[in-house]
Amino acid sequence: MSERIDLKEADRRVFTASFEDGLVDIFLSCFVLMFVLAPLLSVYIGDFWSSVIFLPFWGVIYLVIRWVRKNVIKPRSGVVKYGPMRRKKMTLFTGIMLALNVIFLILGMFAFFSFIPGRSGWVVTIPFSLMLLVSFSLAGYFLAVTRFYVYGLMLAGGFFLGEWLYQTYGVSHHGIPLVFGISAAIIFLIGLIKFFKFLQDNPLPSDESLQWEGENG
């Protein structure tokens, strides 16, 4: 019984450690960057294209992060295979997030098209805040990463803070570029710190150690 608990705890620790290299945080900061630039671009190319234009940007970022994980992270951490329960949990998480994204997309479209000039910006603020809060909370739960809860609260509150800055001080674009720009910078900085700490704590094995392991393997 204790051996089963130890294996379960070891699997949890290995899984959690895989999110401590900072790459997920860096990718999330690029996602948040969309909220910074899209309102500014919508003036020139419209609301629809100001969001669609980020799809190839995310694709490039994903490929870069995948290359870094393969050529920088894996040589230091090795290849990890998770147990069947962990894989089942990740499959469930992927399905839930896919369904939520479709629901949130529909709700977001309703919220966007129901927005009428002159109506309070809180009409759009509330559903988008809930989208981010629920998404990041689920990610924090399924991935066992506590800081994702903090990111969710920070970004969900960002819409309210931006709207307050807009109504109180007249900050442009409902304050979204300013507030989410700061949030993106914070998340990116956390990811960068974690990335360099990972490199420092996990140096590449030297040729001598590899040769010694080969002779004694």
N, C-alpha and C. Protein backbone atom coordinates (compact mmCIF):
# COMPACT_ATOMS: atom_id res chain seq x y z
N MET A 1 0.83 -1.21 0.00
CA MET A 1 0.00 0.00 0.00
C MET A 1 0.86 1.26 0.00
N SER A 2 1.89 1.23 0.86
CA SER A 2 2.79 2.39 0.93
C SER A 2 3.56 2.57 -0.36
N GLU A 3 3.90 1.44 -1.02
CA GLU A 3 4.61 1.51 -2.29
C GLU A 3 3.74 2.17 -3.35
N ARG A 4 2.42 1.87 -3.35
CA ARG A 4 1.51 2.48 -4.31
C ARG A 4 1.40 3.98 -4.07
N ILE A 5 1.35 4.38 -2.80
CA ILE A 5 1.28 5.80 -2.46
C ILE A 5 2.55 6.51 -2.89
N ASP A 6 3.72 5.85 -2.66
CA ASP A 6 4.99 6.44 -3.04
C ASP A 6 5.08 6.63 -4.55
N LEU A 7 4.62 5.65 -5.31
CA LEU A 7 4.64 5.76 -6.77
C LEU A 7 3.71 6.88 -7.24
N LYS A 8 2.56 6.98 -6.61
CA LYS A 8 1.60 8.03 -6.96
C LYS A 8 2.17 9.41 -6.66
N GLU A 9 2.84 9.54 -5.51
CA GLU A 9 3.45 10.81 -5.14
C GLU A 9 4.61 11.15 -6.07
N ALA A 10 5.40 10.14 -6.44
CA ALA A 10 6.52 10.35 -7.35
C ALA A 10 6.01 10.81 -8.72
N ASP A 11 4.93 10.19 -9.18
CA ASP A 11 4.35 10.58 -10.47
C ASP A 11 3.86 12.02 -10.42
N ARG A 12 3.26 12.39 -9.28
CA ARG A 12 2.76 13.77 -9.14
C ARG A 12 3.91 14.77 -9.15
N ARG A 13 4.99 14.45 -8.46
CA ARG A 13 6.13 15.35 -8.38
C ARG A 13 6.81 15.52 -9.74
N VAL A 14 6.95 14.40 -10.45
CA VAL A 14 7.57 14.47 -11.78
C VAL A 14 6.70 15.29 -12.73
N PHE A 15 5.39 15.06 -12.65
CA PHE A 15 4.46 15.79 -13.52
C PHE A 15 4.50 17.28 -13.23
N THR A 16 4.46 17.66 -11.94
CA THR A 16 4.49 19.06 -11.55
C THR A 16 5.81 19.71 -11.95
N ALA A 17 6.90 18.96 -11.82
CA ALA A 17 8.22 19.50 -12.17
C ALA A 17 8.33 19.84 -13.65
N SER A 18 7.53 19.16 -14.47
CA SER A 18 7.60 19.41 -15.91
C SER A 18 7.07 20.79 -16.29
N PHE A 19 6.41 21.48 -15.34
CA PHE A 19 5.92 22.83 -15.60
C PHE A 19 6.77 23.89 -14.91
N GLU A 20 7.94 23.46 -14.41
CA GLU A 20 8.79 24.39 -13.68
C GLU A 20 9.95 24.91 -14.53
N ASP A 21 9.92 24.65 -15.84
CA ASP A 21 10.99 25.18 -16.69
C ASP A 21 10.65 26.56 -17.26
N GLY A 22 9.43 27.05 -16.98
CA GLY A 22 9.06 28.41 -17.38
C GLY A 22 8.50 28.56 -18.78
N LEU A 23 8.54 27.50 -19.59
CA LEU A 23 8.10 27.62 -20.98
C LEU A 23 6.60 27.84 -21.10
N VAL A 24 5.83 27.18 -20.23
CA VAL A 24 4.38 27.38 -20.26
C VAL A 24 4.04 28.82 -19.89
N ASP A 25 4.75 29.37 -18.92
CA ASP A 25 4.51 30.76 -18.51
C ASP A 25 4.82 31.72 -19.66
N ILE A 26 5.91 31.46 -20.37
CA ILE A 26 6.28 32.32 -21.50
C ILE A 26 5.22 32.25 -22.59
N PHE A 27 4.71 31.04 -22.86
CA PHE A 27 3.65 30.90 -23.86
C PHE A 27 2.39 31.63 -23.42
N LEU A 28 2.03 31.53 -22.14
CA LEU A 28 0.85 32.22 -21.63
C LEU A 28 1.01 33.73 -21.74
N SER A 29 2.21 34.24 -21.51
CA SER A 29 2.43 35.68 -21.64
C SER A 29 2.22 36.14 -23.07
N CYS A 30 2.56 35.29 -24.04
CA CYS A 30 2.31 35.63 -25.44
C CYS A 30 0.82 35.62 -25.74
N PHE A 31 0.08 34.72 -25.10
CA PHE A 31 -1.37 34.69 -25.25
C PHE A 31 -1.99 35.97 -24.68
N VAL A 32 -1.53 36.39 -23.51
CA VAL A 32 -2.05 37.62 -22.88
C VAL A 32 -1.71 38.83 -23.73
N LEU A 33 -0.60 38.74 -24.46
CA LEU A 33 -0.19 39.86 -25.32
C LEU A 33 -1.25 40.19 -26.36
N MET A 34 -2.07 39.20 -26.72
CA MET A 34 -3.14 39.44 -27.69
C MET A 34 -4.11 40.51 -27.17
N PHE A 35 -4.40 40.48 -25.85
CA PHE A 35 -5.31 41.45 -25.27
C PHE A 35 -4.70 42.86 -25.27
N VAL A 36 -3.39 42.92 -25.39
CA VAL A 36 -2.72 44.22 -25.42
C VAL A 36 -2.77 44.82 -26.82
N LEU A 37 -2.49 44.00 -27.83
CA LEU A 37 -2.35 44.52 -29.19
C LEU A 37 -3.65 44.51 -29.98
N ALA A 38 -4.53 43.54 -29.71
CA ALA A 38 -5.76 43.43 -30.50
C ALA A 38 -6.62 44.70 -30.45
N PRO A 39 -6.84 45.32 -29.27
CA PRO A 39 -7.64 46.55 -29.27
C PRO A 39 -7.00 47.68 -30.08
N LEU A 40 -5.67 47.72 -30.10
CA LEU A 40 -4.98 48.77 -30.87
C LEU A 40 -5.07 48.51 -32.37
N LEU A 41 -4.97 47.21 -32.75
CA LEU A 41 -5.03 46.87 -34.17
C LEU A 41 -6.44 46.95 -34.73
N SER A 42 -7.45 46.77 -33.87
CA SER A 42 -8.84 46.76 -34.35
C SER A 42 -9.23 48.08 -34.99
N VAL A 43 -8.56 49.14 -34.63
CA VAL A 43 -8.86 50.45 -35.23
C VAL A 43 -8.53 50.45 -36.71
N TYR A 44 -7.51 49.67 -37.09
CA TYR A 44 -7.03 49.69 -38.47
C TYR A 44 -7.53 48.51 -39.31
N ILE A 45 -7.67 47.32 -38.68
CA ILE A 45 -8.03 46.15 -39.48
C ILE A 45 -9.33 45.51 -39.03
N GLY A 46 -10.02 46.08 -38.05
CA GLY A 46 -11.30 45.55 -37.59
C GLY A 46 -11.13 44.57 -36.45
N ASP A 47 -12.22 44.33 -35.73
CA ASP A 47 -12.18 43.48 -34.55
C ASP A 47 -11.87 42.03 -34.88
N PHE A 48 -12.45 41.52 -35.98
CA PHE A 48 -12.25 40.11 -36.33
C PHE A 48 -10.80 39.83 -36.68
N TRP A 49 -10.25 40.61 -37.61
CA TRP A 49 -8.88 40.35 -38.08
C TRP A 49 -7.83 40.68 -37.03
N SER A 50 -8.17 41.57 -36.11
CA SER A 50 -7.21 41.90 -35.06
C SER A 50 -6.99 40.73 -34.11
N SER A 51 -7.92 39.76 -34.10
CA SER A 51 -7.75 38.55 -33.31
C SER A 51 -7.18 37.41 -34.15
N VAL A 52 -7.68 37.26 -35.38
CA VAL A 52 -7.24 36.18 -36.27
C VAL A 52 -5.76 36.30 -36.60
N ILE A 53 -5.27 37.52 -36.67
CA ILE A 53 -3.88 37.75 -37.06
C ILE A 53 -2.90 37.12 -36.08
N PHE A 54 -3.36 36.80 -34.88
CA PHE A 54 -2.47 36.22 -33.88
C PHE A 54 -2.31 34.71 -34.03
N LEU A 55 -3.13 34.08 -34.85
CA LEU A 55 -3.03 32.63 -35.02
C LEU A 55 -1.65 32.20 -35.53
N PRO A 56 -1.12 32.80 -36.62
CA PRO A 56 0.24 32.42 -37.03
C PRO A 56 1.29 32.81 -36.00
N PHE A 57 1.05 33.88 -35.26
CA PHE A 57 1.99 34.29 -34.21
C PHE A 57 2.08 33.22 -33.13
N TRP A 58 0.92 32.71 -32.71
CA TRP A 58 0.92 31.63 -31.72
C TRP A 58 1.58 30.37 -32.28
N GLY A 59 1.37 30.11 -33.57
CA GLY A 59 1.98 28.95 -34.20
C GLY A 59 3.50 29.03 -34.14
N VAL A 60 4.05 30.21 -34.44
CA VAL A 60 5.50 30.40 -34.40
C VAL A 60 6.02 30.24 -32.97
N ILE A 61 5.33 30.85 -32.01
CA ILE A 61 5.74 30.74 -30.61
C ILE A 61 5.70 29.29 -30.16
N TYR A 62 4.66 28.55 -30.56
CA TYR A 62 4.55 27.14 -30.19
C TYR A 62 5.72 26.34 -30.75
N LEU A 63 6.07 26.57 -32.01
CA LEU A 63 7.18 25.84 -32.63
C LEU A 63 8.51 26.18 -31.96
N VAL A 64 8.69 27.44 -31.61
CA VAL A 64 9.93 27.86 -30.93
C VAL A 64 10.03 27.17 -29.57
N ILE A 65 8.93 27.18 -28.80
CA ILE A 65 8.95 26.56 -27.48
C ILE A 65 9.14 25.05 -27.60
N ARG A 66 8.53 24.45 -28.60
CA ARG A 66 8.72 23.01 -28.81
C ARG A 66 10.17 22.69 -29.13
N TRP A 67 10.81 23.55 -29.94
CA TRP A 67 12.23 23.36 -30.27
C TRP A 67 13.09 23.49 -29.01
N VAL A 68 12.80 24.50 -28.19
CA VAL A 68 13.56 24.70 -26.95
C VAL A 68 13.38 23.52 -26.01
N ARG A 69 12.15 23.02 -25.91
CA ARG A 69 11.90 21.89 -25.02
C ARG A 69 12.66 20.64 -25.50
N LYS A 70 12.72 20.45 -26.81
CA LYS A 70 13.38 19.27 -27.35
C LYS A 70 14.90 19.37 -27.26
N ASN A 71 15.45 20.55 -27.56
CA ASN A 71 16.90 20.69 -27.68
C ASN A 71 17.58 21.28 -26.45
N VAL A 72 16.82 21.87 -25.55
CA VAL A 72 17.41 22.49 -24.37
C VAL A 72 16.94 21.81 -23.08
N ILE A 73 15.62 21.54 -22.99
CA ILE A 73 15.07 20.99 -21.75
C ILE A 73 15.31 19.49 -21.65
N LYS A 74 14.95 18.73 -22.68
CA LYS A 74 15.05 17.26 -22.60
C LYS A 74 16.47 16.76 -22.37
N PRO A 75 17.52 17.34 -23.00
CA PRO A 75 18.87 16.86 -22.69
C PRO A 75 19.25 17.02 -21.22
N ARG A 76 18.55 17.90 -20.51
CA ARG A 76 18.86 18.13 -19.09
C ARG A 76 17.94 17.34 -18.15
N SER A 77 16.70 17.10 -18.59
CA SER A 77 15.74 16.44 -17.71
C SER A 77 15.42 15.01 -18.13
N GLY A 78 15.72 14.67 -19.40
CA GLY A 78 15.40 13.35 -19.90
C GLY A 78 13.95 13.27 -20.36
N VAL A 79 13.56 12.11 -20.84
CA VAL A 79 12.20 11.88 -21.32
C VAL A 79 11.40 11.22 -20.20
N VAL A 80 10.25 11.80 -19.88
CA VAL A 80 9.41 11.32 -18.79
C VAL A 80 8.13 10.70 -19.35
N LYS A 81 7.80 9.52 -18.86
CA LYS A 81 6.54 8.87 -19.23
C LYS A 81 5.66 8.79 -17.98
N TYR A 82 4.41 9.26 -18.13
CA TYR A 82 3.50 9.29 -16.99
C TYR A 82 2.69 8.01 -16.92
N GLY A 83 2.14 7.75 -15.73
CA GLY A 83 1.34 6.57 -15.51
C GLY A 83 -0.02 6.67 -16.19
N PRO A 84 -0.76 5.55 -16.24
CA PRO A 84 -2.06 5.55 -16.93
C PRO A 84 -3.07 6.49 -16.30
N MET A 85 -3.07 6.63 -14.97
CA MET A 85 -4.01 7.54 -14.32
C MET A 85 -3.73 8.98 -14.70
N ARG A 86 -2.44 9.32 -14.78
CA ARG A 86 -2.08 10.69 -15.16
C ARG A 86 -2.47 10.97 -16.60
N ARG A 87 -2.24 10.01 -17.49
CA ARG A 87 -2.62 10.20 -18.89
C ARG A 87 -4.13 10.32 -19.04
N LYS A 88 -4.88 9.53 -18.26
CA LYS A 88 -6.34 9.60 -18.29
C LYS A 88 -6.82 10.96 -17.81
N LYS A 89 -6.17 11.48 -16.78
CA LYS A 89 -6.55 12.80 -16.24
C LYS A 89 -6.26 13.90 -17.25
N MET A 90 -5.14 13.78 -17.96
CA MET A 90 -4.80 14.80 -18.97
C MET A 90 -5.76 14.74 -20.15
N THR A 91 -6.21 13.53 -20.51
CA THR A 91 -7.18 13.41 -21.60
C THR A 91 -8.50 14.07 -21.21
N LEU A 92 -8.91 13.85 -19.96
CA LEU A 92 -10.12 14.49 -19.45
C LEU A 92 -9.97 16.01 -19.44
N PHE A 93 -8.81 16.48 -19.01
CA PHE A 93 -8.55 17.93 -18.98
C PHE A 93 -8.62 18.53 -20.38
N THR A 94 -8.02 17.85 -21.35
CA THR A 94 -8.04 18.35 -22.73
C THR A 94 -9.46 18.43 -23.26
N GLY A 95 -10.28 17.41 -22.99
CA GLY A 95 -11.67 17.42 -23.45
C GLY A 95 -12.48 18.53 -22.82
N ILE A 96 -12.29 18.72 -21.50
CA ILE A 96 -13.02 19.78 -20.81
C ILE A 96 -12.63 21.16 -21.34
N MET A 97 -11.33 21.38 -21.53
CA MET A 97 -10.87 22.68 -22.02
C MET A 97 -11.36 22.94 -23.44
N LEU A 98 -11.41 21.90 -24.27
CA LEU A 98 -11.92 22.06 -25.63
C LEU A 98 -13.38 22.46 -25.61
N ALA A 99 -14.18 21.77 -24.79
CA ALA A 99 -15.60 22.08 -24.69
C ALA A 99 -15.82 23.48 -24.13
N LEU A 100 -15.02 23.85 -23.12
CA LEU A 100 -15.16 25.18 -22.53
C LEU A 100 -14.79 26.27 -23.52
N ASN A 101 -13.75 26.03 -24.31
CA ASN A 101 -13.34 27.04 -25.29
C ASN A 101 -14.43 27.29 -26.33
N VAL A 102 -15.12 26.21 -26.74
CA VAL A 102 -16.23 26.38 -27.68
C VAL A 102 -17.36 27.17 -27.04
N ILE A 103 -17.69 26.81 -25.78
CA ILE A 103 -18.76 27.52 -25.07
C ILE A 103 -18.39 28.99 -24.86
N PHE A 104 -17.14 29.22 -24.45
CA PHE A 104 -16.70 30.59 -24.19
C PHE A 104 -16.66 31.41 -25.48
N LEU A 105 -16.32 30.75 -26.58
CA LEU A 105 -16.31 31.46 -27.86
C LEU A 105 -17.72 31.94 -28.21
N ILE A 106 -18.71 31.05 -28.02
CA ILE A 106 -20.10 31.42 -28.31
C ILE A 106 -20.57 32.53 -27.38
N LEU A 107 -20.27 32.39 -26.08
CA LEU A 107 -20.65 33.41 -25.12
C LEU A 107 -19.96 34.74 -25.41
N GLY A 108 -18.69 34.64 -25.80
CA GLY A 108 -17.95 35.86 -26.12
C GLY A 108 -18.54 36.58 -27.32
N MET A 109 -18.99 35.81 -28.32
CA MET A 109 -19.60 36.44 -29.49
C MET A 109 -20.91 37.12 -29.11
N PHE A 110 -21.71 36.46 -28.26
CA PHE A 110 -22.95 37.09 -27.80
C PHE A 110 -22.66 38.36 -27.01
N ALA A 111 -21.64 38.27 -26.14
CA ALA A 111 -21.30 39.44 -25.33
C ALA A 111 -20.80 40.58 -26.20
N PHE A 112 -20.01 40.22 -27.24
CA PHE A 112 -19.45 41.25 -28.11
C PHE A 112 -20.54 41.92 -28.94
N PHE A 113 -21.42 41.10 -29.53
CA PHE A 113 -22.45 41.68 -30.39
C PHE A 113 -23.57 42.36 -29.61
N SER A 114 -23.66 42.04 -28.31
CA SER A 114 -24.66 42.72 -27.49
C SER A 114 -24.16 44.06 -26.98
N PHE A 115 -22.87 44.31 -27.23
CA PHE A 115 -22.30 45.58 -26.76
C PHE A 115 -22.75 46.71 -27.68
N ILE A 116 -23.37 47.69 -27.07
CA ILE A 116 -23.86 48.85 -27.81
C ILE A 116 -23.14 50.09 -27.32
N PRO A 117 -22.62 50.94 -28.23
CA PRO A 117 -21.96 52.16 -27.79
C PRO A 117 -22.84 52.95 -26.83
N GLY A 118 -22.23 53.34 -25.73
CA GLY A 118 -22.98 54.08 -24.72
C GLY A 118 -23.42 53.20 -23.56
N ARG A 119 -23.49 51.86 -23.80
CA ARG A 119 -23.84 50.93 -22.73
C ARG A 119 -22.58 50.68 -21.90
N SER A 120 -22.77 50.40 -20.63
CA SER A 120 -21.65 50.18 -19.72
C SER A 120 -20.77 49.03 -20.20
N GLY A 121 -19.45 49.22 -20.08
CA GLY A 121 -18.50 48.18 -20.50
C GLY A 121 -18.54 46.97 -19.61
N TRP A 122 -19.23 47.03 -18.45
CA TRP A 122 -19.31 45.88 -17.58
C TRP A 122 -20.04 44.72 -18.25
N VAL A 123 -20.87 45.01 -19.26
CA VAL A 123 -21.61 43.95 -19.96
C VAL A 123 -20.65 42.97 -20.60
N VAL A 124 -19.55 43.46 -21.15
CA VAL A 124 -18.55 42.60 -21.78
C VAL A 124 -17.53 42.12 -20.76
N THR A 125 -17.26 42.93 -19.75
CA THR A 125 -16.22 42.62 -18.77
C THR A 125 -16.51 41.34 -18.00
N ILE A 126 -17.74 41.18 -17.53
CA ILE A 126 -18.09 40.06 -16.66
C ILE A 126 -17.90 38.70 -17.34
N PRO A 127 -18.47 38.46 -18.55
CA PRO A 127 -18.29 37.12 -19.15
C PRO A 127 -16.84 36.81 -19.49
N PHE A 128 -16.08 37.80 -19.98
CA PHE A 128 -14.69 37.53 -20.31
C PHE A 128 -13.87 37.24 -19.07
N SER A 129 -14.17 37.91 -17.96
CA SER A 129 -13.48 37.65 -16.71
C SER A 129 -13.75 36.23 -16.23
N LEU A 130 -15.01 35.80 -16.35
CA LEU A 130 -15.36 34.44 -15.94
C LEU A 130 -14.66 33.40 -16.81
N MET A 131 -14.55 33.69 -18.11
CA MET A 131 -13.86 32.77 -19.01
C MET A 131 -12.43 32.52 -18.54
N LEU A 132 -11.70 33.59 -18.27
CA LEU A 132 -10.31 33.46 -17.88
C LEU A 132 -10.18 32.81 -16.50
N LEU A 133 -11.04 33.18 -15.58
CA LEU A 133 -10.97 32.64 -14.23
C LEU A 133 -11.23 31.14 -14.22
N VAL A 134 -12.26 30.70 -14.92
CA VAL A 134 -12.59 29.28 -14.97
C VAL A 134 -11.50 28.49 -15.68
N SER A 135 -11.01 29.00 -16.81
CA SER A 135 -9.98 28.30 -17.59
C SER A 135 -8.70 28.10 -16.79
N PHE A 136 -8.22 29.16 -16.18
CA PHE A 136 -6.97 29.07 -15.42
C PHE A 136 -7.15 28.26 -14.14
N SER A 137 -8.32 28.32 -13.54
CA SER A 137 -8.57 27.52 -12.34
C SER A 137 -8.56 26.03 -12.67
N LEU A 138 -9.19 25.66 -13.78
CA LEU A 138 -9.18 24.26 -14.20
C LEU A 138 -7.75 23.79 -14.52
N ALA A 139 -7.00 24.67 -15.19
CA ALA A 139 -5.60 24.34 -15.50
C ALA A 139 -4.80 24.16 -14.22
N GLY A 140 -5.02 25.03 -13.24
CA GLY A 140 -4.32 24.91 -11.97
C GLY A 140 -4.66 23.61 -11.25
N TYR A 141 -5.94 23.19 -11.35
CA TYR A 141 -6.37 21.97 -10.67
C TYR A 141 -5.83 20.71 -11.37
N PHE A 142 -6.03 20.61 -12.67
CA PHE A 142 -5.64 19.40 -13.38
C PHE A 142 -4.13 19.28 -13.52
N LEU A 143 -3.44 20.41 -13.66
CA LEU A 143 -1.99 20.38 -13.83
C LEU A 143 -1.24 20.50 -12.51
N ALA A 144 -1.98 20.74 -11.42
CA ALA A 144 -1.39 20.86 -10.08
C ALA A 144 -0.33 21.96 -10.03
N VAL A 145 -0.63 23.10 -10.67
CA VAL A 145 0.27 24.24 -10.68
C VAL A 145 -0.44 25.40 -9.98
N THR A 146 -0.01 25.73 -8.78
CA THR A 146 -0.71 26.71 -7.96
C THR A 146 -0.71 28.10 -8.58
N ARG A 147 0.38 28.47 -9.23
CA ARG A 147 0.47 29.84 -9.75
C ARG A 147 -0.54 30.11 -10.87
N PHE A 148 -1.11 29.06 -11.48
CA PHE A 148 -2.13 29.28 -12.51
C PHE A 148 -3.39 29.87 -11.90
N TYR A 149 -3.68 29.53 -10.64
CA TYR A 149 -4.82 30.16 -9.95
C TYR A 149 -4.57 31.67 -9.83
N VAL A 150 -3.34 32.03 -9.50
CA VAL A 150 -2.98 33.44 -9.34
C VAL A 150 -3.09 34.17 -10.68
N TYR A 151 -2.62 33.52 -11.75
CA TYR A 151 -2.74 34.12 -13.08
C TYR A 151 -4.21 34.35 -13.43
N GLY A 152 -5.06 33.36 -13.12
CA GLY A 152 -6.48 33.49 -13.42
C GLY A 152 -7.10 34.66 -12.70
N LEU A 153 -6.80 34.82 -11.41
CA LEU A 153 -7.33 35.94 -10.64
C LEU A 153 -6.81 37.27 -11.17
N MET A 154 -5.53 37.30 -11.51
CA MET A 154 -4.93 38.54 -12.00
C MET A 154 -5.55 38.97 -13.33
N LEU A 155 -5.73 38.02 -14.24
CA LEU A 155 -6.26 38.36 -15.56
C LEU A 155 -7.76 38.64 -15.51
N ALA A 156 -8.49 37.86 -14.70
CA ALA A 156 -9.93 38.10 -14.57
C ALA A 156 -10.18 39.48 -13.95
N GLY A 157 -9.39 39.82 -12.94
CA GLY A 157 -9.52 41.14 -12.34
C GLY A 157 -9.04 42.25 -13.23
N GLY A 158 -8.20 41.89 -14.23
CA GLY A 158 -7.68 42.91 -15.14
C GLY A 158 -8.76 43.60 -15.95
N PHE A 159 -9.80 42.85 -16.33
CA PHE A 159 -10.90 43.46 -17.07
C PHE A 159 -11.63 44.50 -16.22
N PHE A 160 -11.85 44.16 -14.95
CA PHE A 160 -12.53 45.10 -14.06
C PHE A 160 -11.66 46.34 -13.79
N LEU A 161 -10.37 46.10 -13.57
CA LEU A 161 -9.46 47.21 -13.33
C LEU A 161 -9.37 48.11 -14.55
N GLY A 162 -9.28 47.49 -15.74
CA GLY A 162 -9.22 48.28 -16.97
C GLY A 162 -10.47 49.11 -17.19
N GLU A 163 -11.64 48.50 -16.93
CA GLU A 163 -12.89 49.24 -17.09
C GLU A 163 -12.99 50.38 -16.08
N TRP A 164 -12.49 50.14 -14.87
CA TRP A 164 -12.50 51.20 -13.85
C TRP A 164 -11.58 52.35 -14.26
N LEU A 165 -10.41 52.02 -14.80
CA LEU A 165 -9.49 53.07 -15.27
C LEU A 165 -10.10 53.85 -16.43
N TYR A 166 -10.84 53.14 -17.27
CA TYR A 166 -11.48 53.80 -18.42
C TYR A 166 -12.56 54.77 -17.96
N GLN A 167 -13.42 54.32 -17.04
CA GLN A 167 -14.53 55.16 -16.61
C GLN A 167 -14.09 56.26 -15.65
N THR A 168 -12.99 56.03 -14.93
CA THR A 168 -12.55 57.01 -13.94
C THR A 168 -11.56 58.01 -14.52
N TYR A 169 -10.60 57.50 -15.30
CA TYR A 169 -9.53 58.36 -15.79
C TYR A 169 -9.51 58.48 -17.32
N GLY A 170 -10.43 57.81 -17.99
CA GLY A 170 -10.50 57.91 -19.44
C GLY A 170 -9.39 57.20 -20.17
N VAL A 171 -8.80 56.16 -19.54
CA VAL A 171 -7.74 55.39 -20.19
C VAL A 171 -8.30 54.72 -21.44
N SER A 172 -7.57 54.82 -22.54
CA SER A 172 -8.09 54.35 -23.83
C SER A 172 -8.32 52.84 -23.86
N HIS A 173 -9.21 52.42 -24.75
CA HIS A 173 -9.54 51.01 -25.00
C HIS A 173 -9.93 50.29 -23.72
N HIS A 174 -10.69 50.96 -22.88
CA HIS A 174 -11.19 50.38 -21.63
C HIS A 174 -10.05 49.89 -20.72
N GLY A 175 -8.89 50.48 -20.89
CA GLY A 175 -7.75 50.15 -20.02
C GLY A 175 -7.13 48.80 -20.25
N ILE A 176 -7.63 48.06 -21.25
CA ILE A 176 -7.17 46.68 -21.45
C ILE A 176 -5.70 46.61 -21.87
N PRO A 177 -5.24 47.41 -22.87
CA PRO A 177 -3.83 47.32 -23.24
C PRO A 177 -2.88 47.62 -22.07
N LEU A 178 -3.23 48.59 -21.24
CA LEU A 178 -2.36 48.95 -20.12
C LEU A 178 -2.31 47.83 -19.08
N VAL A 179 -3.48 47.38 -18.64
CA VAL A 179 -3.54 46.38 -17.57
C VAL A 179 -2.97 45.04 -18.02
N PHE A 180 -3.35 44.60 -19.21
CA PHE A 180 -2.88 43.30 -19.67
C PHE A 180 -1.43 43.36 -20.14
N GLY A 181 -0.96 44.54 -20.50
CA GLY A 181 0.46 44.69 -20.82
C GLY A 181 1.31 44.44 -19.59
N ILE A 182 0.88 44.99 -18.45
CA ILE A 182 1.59 44.75 -17.19
C ILE A 182 1.49 43.29 -16.79
N SER A 183 0.31 42.68 -16.96
CA SER A 183 0.13 41.27 -16.61
C SER A 183 1.01 40.37 -17.47
N ALA A 184 1.06 40.65 -18.77
CA ALA A 184 1.90 39.85 -19.68
C ALA A 184 3.36 39.96 -19.29
N ALA A 185 3.80 41.16 -18.91
CA ALA A 185 5.20 41.35 -18.51
C ALA A 185 5.52 40.57 -17.24
N ILE A 186 4.58 40.55 -16.29
CA ILE A 186 4.79 39.81 -15.04
C ILE A 186 4.91 38.31 -15.30
N ILE A 187 3.97 37.78 -16.10
CA ILE A 187 3.98 36.34 -16.39
C ILE A 187 5.23 35.96 -17.17
N PHE A 188 5.62 36.80 -18.14
CA PHE A 188 6.83 36.53 -18.93
C PHE A 188 8.06 36.55 -18.04
N LEU A 189 8.13 37.50 -17.11
CA LEU A 189 9.29 37.59 -16.22
C LEU A 189 9.38 36.37 -15.32
N ILE A 190 8.22 35.91 -14.80
CA ILE A 190 8.21 34.70 -13.99
C ILE A 190 8.71 33.50 -14.80
N GLY A 191 8.22 33.38 -16.04
CA GLY A 191 8.66 32.29 -16.90
C GLY A 191 10.15 32.35 -17.20
N LEU A 192 10.66 33.56 -17.44
CA LEU A 192 12.08 33.73 -17.75
C LEU A 192 12.94 33.36 -16.56
N ILE A 193 12.52 33.78 -15.36
CA ILE A 193 13.27 33.45 -14.14
C ILE A 193 13.29 31.94 -13.94
N LYS A 194 12.14 31.29 -14.11
CA LYS A 194 12.07 29.84 -13.95
C LYS A 194 12.92 29.13 -14.99
N PHE A 195 12.94 29.65 -16.21
CA PHE A 195 13.73 29.03 -17.28
C PHE A 195 15.22 29.06 -16.96
N PHE A 196 15.73 30.23 -16.55
CA PHE A 196 17.15 30.35 -16.25
C PHE A 196 17.51 29.58 -14.97
N LYS A 197 16.57 29.51 -14.03
CA LYS A 197 16.82 28.72 -12.83
C LYS A 197 16.90 27.24 -13.17
N PHE A 198 16.04 26.80 -14.10
CA PHE A 198 16.10 25.41 -14.54
C PHE A 198 17.44 25.11 -15.18
N LEU A 199 17.92 26.01 -16.04
CA LEU A 199 19.21 25.80 -16.69
C LEU A 199 20.34 25.76 -15.67
N GLN A 200 20.24 26.60 -14.64
CA GLN A 200 21.27 26.63 -13.61
C GLN A 200 21.26 25.37 -12.75
N ASP A 201 20.06 24.88 -12.44
CA ASP A 201 19.95 23.69 -11.58
C ASP A 201 20.15 22.39 -12.34
N ASN A 202 20.05 22.44 -13.67
CA ASN A 202 20.15 21.22 -14.47
C ASN A 202 21.14 21.42 -15.61
N PRO A 203 22.44 21.47 -15.30
CA PRO A 203 23.44 21.64 -16.37
C PRO A 203 23.51 20.40 -17.25
N LEU A 204 24.00 20.59 -18.46
CA LEU A 204 24.18 19.46 -19.35
C LEU A 204 25.23 18.51 -18.79
N PRO A 205 25.00 17.21 -18.89
CA PRO A 205 26.02 16.26 -18.41
C PRO A 205 27.29 16.38 -19.23
N SER A 206 28.42 16.31 -18.55
CA SER A 206 29.70 16.45 -19.23
C SER A 206 30.02 15.18 -20.01
N ASP A 207 30.98 15.29 -20.93
CA ASP A 207 31.38 14.12 -21.72
C ASP A 207 31.98 13.04 -20.82
N GLU A 208 32.69 13.46 -19.75
CA GLU A 208 33.31 12.49 -18.85
C GLU A 208 32.26 11.66 -18.13
N SER A 209 31.16 12.33 -17.67
CA SER A 209 30.13 11.60 -16.95
C SER A 209 29.38 10.65 -17.87
N LEU A 210 29.16 11.08 -19.11
CA LEU A 210 28.50 10.20 -20.07
C LEU A 210 29.35 8.98 -20.38
N GLN A 211 30.69 9.20 -20.49
CA GLN A 211 31.58 8.09 -20.78
C GLN A 211 31.65 7.13 -19.59
N TRP A 212 31.64 7.69 -18.36
CA TRP A 212 31.69 6.84 -17.16
C TRP A 212 30.41 6.01 -17.03
N GLU A 213 29.25 6.62 -17.33
CA GLU A 213 28.00 5.89 -17.27
C GLU A 213 27.98 4.78 -18.31
N GLY A 214 28.54 5.06 -19.50
CA GLY A 214 28.56 4.04 -20.53
C GLY A 214 29.43 2.85 -20.17
N GLU A 215 30.56 3.13 -19.49
CA GLU A 215 31.46 2.04 -19.11
C GLU A 215 30.91 1.21 -17.96
N ASN A 216 30.07 1.83 -17.12
CA ASN A 216 29.55 1.12 -15.96
C ASN A 216 28.08 0.76 -16.11
N GLY A 217 27.51 0.98 -17.33
CA GLY A 217 26.09 0.70 -17.52
C GLY A 217 25.84 -0.80 -17.68
